């Protein structure tokens, strides 16, 4: 009888999407910290953390696109 299920998903698509989104998040965070820009730092933190909680590659990429679109909108509004 199995009491605990392994929560780690080793699907290659999920791992690749997580690596891509996390890398973009790291770059956004470093750029935002270096330039003193809060929206880029916040987007970088969000992009780096949420892939730990999403186990579907398409949903992960969709959320990442939405976060980047919100960042683009914030920058266009002058933040």
Protein backbone atom coordinates (compact mmCIF):
# COMPACT_ATOMS: atom_id res chain seq x y z
CA UNK A 1 0.00 0.00 0.00
CA UNK A 2 1.40 3.38 -1.04
CA UNK A 3 0.83 6.10 1.52
CA UNK A 4 2.56 8.96 -0.27
CA UNK A 5 2.71 9.71 -3.96
CA UNK A 6 5.90 11.21 -5.36
CA UNK A 7 5.01 14.86 -6.14
CA UNK A 8 7.90 15.30 -8.59
CA UNK A 9 6.93 15.16 -12.26
CA UNK A 10 9.77 14.09 -14.52
CA UNK A 11 8.05 14.82 -17.82
CA UNK A 12 10.64 16.31 -20.16
CA UNK A 13 8.29 19.03 -21.41
CA UNK A 14 7.54 20.23 -17.89
CA UNK A 15 11.22 20.24 -16.96
CA UNK A 16 12.17 22.17 -20.09
CA UNK A 17 9.37 24.71 -19.64
CA UNK A 18 10.31 25.14 -15.99
CA UNK A 19 13.95 25.73 -16.94
CA UNK A 20 12.99 28.29 -19.60
CA UNK A 21 10.57 30.21 -17.37
CA UNK A 22 12.93 30.15 -14.41
CA UNK A 23 15.81 31.40 -16.57
CA UNK A 24 13.76 34.32 -17.86
CA UNK A 25 12.74 35.06 -14.27
CA UNK A 26 16.35 35.06 -13.12
CA UNK A 27 17.36 37.46 -15.90
CA UNK A 28 14.42 39.77 -15.11
CA UNK A 29 15.29 39.79 -11.42
CA UNK A 30 18.99 40.50 -11.97
CA UNK A 31 18.20 43.26 -14.47
CA UNK A 32 15.62 44.81 -12.15
CA UNK A 33 17.98 44.70 -9.17
CA UNK A 34 20.86 46.19 -11.13
CA UNK A 35 18.73 48.99 -12.59
CA UNK A 36 16.66 49.56 -9.44
CA UNK A 37 13.41 48.69 -11.25
CA UNK A 38 10.72 47.18 -9.02
CA UNK A 39 8.40 45.78 -11.77
CA UNK A 40 11.22 43.72 -13.30
CA UNK A 41 12.30 42.44 -9.89
CA UNK A 42 8.73 41.43 -9.01
CA UNK A 43 8.19 39.71 -12.36
CA UNK A 44 11.50 37.91 -11.92
CA UNK A 45 10.51 36.61 -8.50
CA UNK A 46 7.11 35.46 -9.76
CA UNK A 47 8.62 33.77 -12.83
CA UNK A 48 11.22 32.01 -10.70
CA UNK A 49 8.84 30.72 -8.02
CA UNK A 50 5.56 29.66 -9.64
CA UNK A 51 6.96 26.78 -11.77
CA UNK A 52 7.36 24.82 -8.52
CA UNK A 53 3.58 24.74 -8.14
CA UNK A 54 2.45 24.10 -11.74
CA UNK A 55 2.79 20.64 -13.25
CA UNK A 56 1.48 21.29 -16.78
CA UNK A 57 3.87 22.72 -19.38
CA UNK A 58 1.19 24.62 -21.34
CA UNK A 59 -0.28 26.19 -18.22
CA UNK A 60 3.21 27.11 -17.06
CA UNK A 61 4.02 28.81 -20.36
CA UNK A 62 0.64 30.55 -20.37
CA UNK A 63 1.14 31.99 -16.90
CA UNK A 64 4.66 33.04 -17.85
CA UNK A 65 3.33 34.83 -20.91
CA UNK A 66 0.69 36.58 -18.81
CA UNK A 67 3.30 37.73 -16.28
CA UNK A 68 5.52 39.05 -19.07
CA UNK A 69 2.55 40.80 -20.68
CA UNK A 70 1.72 42.44 -17.34
CA UNK A 71 5.36 43.51 -17.03
CA UNK A 72 5.26 44.98 -20.52
CA UNK A 73 2.05 46.87 -19.66
CA UNK A 74 3.55 48.19 -16.43
CA UNK A 75 6.66 49.44 -18.23
CA UNK A 76 4.51 51.05 -20.96
CA UNK A 77 2.52 52.89 -18.28
CA UNK A 78 5.74 54.34 -16.89
CA UNK A 79 6.42 52.23 -13.81
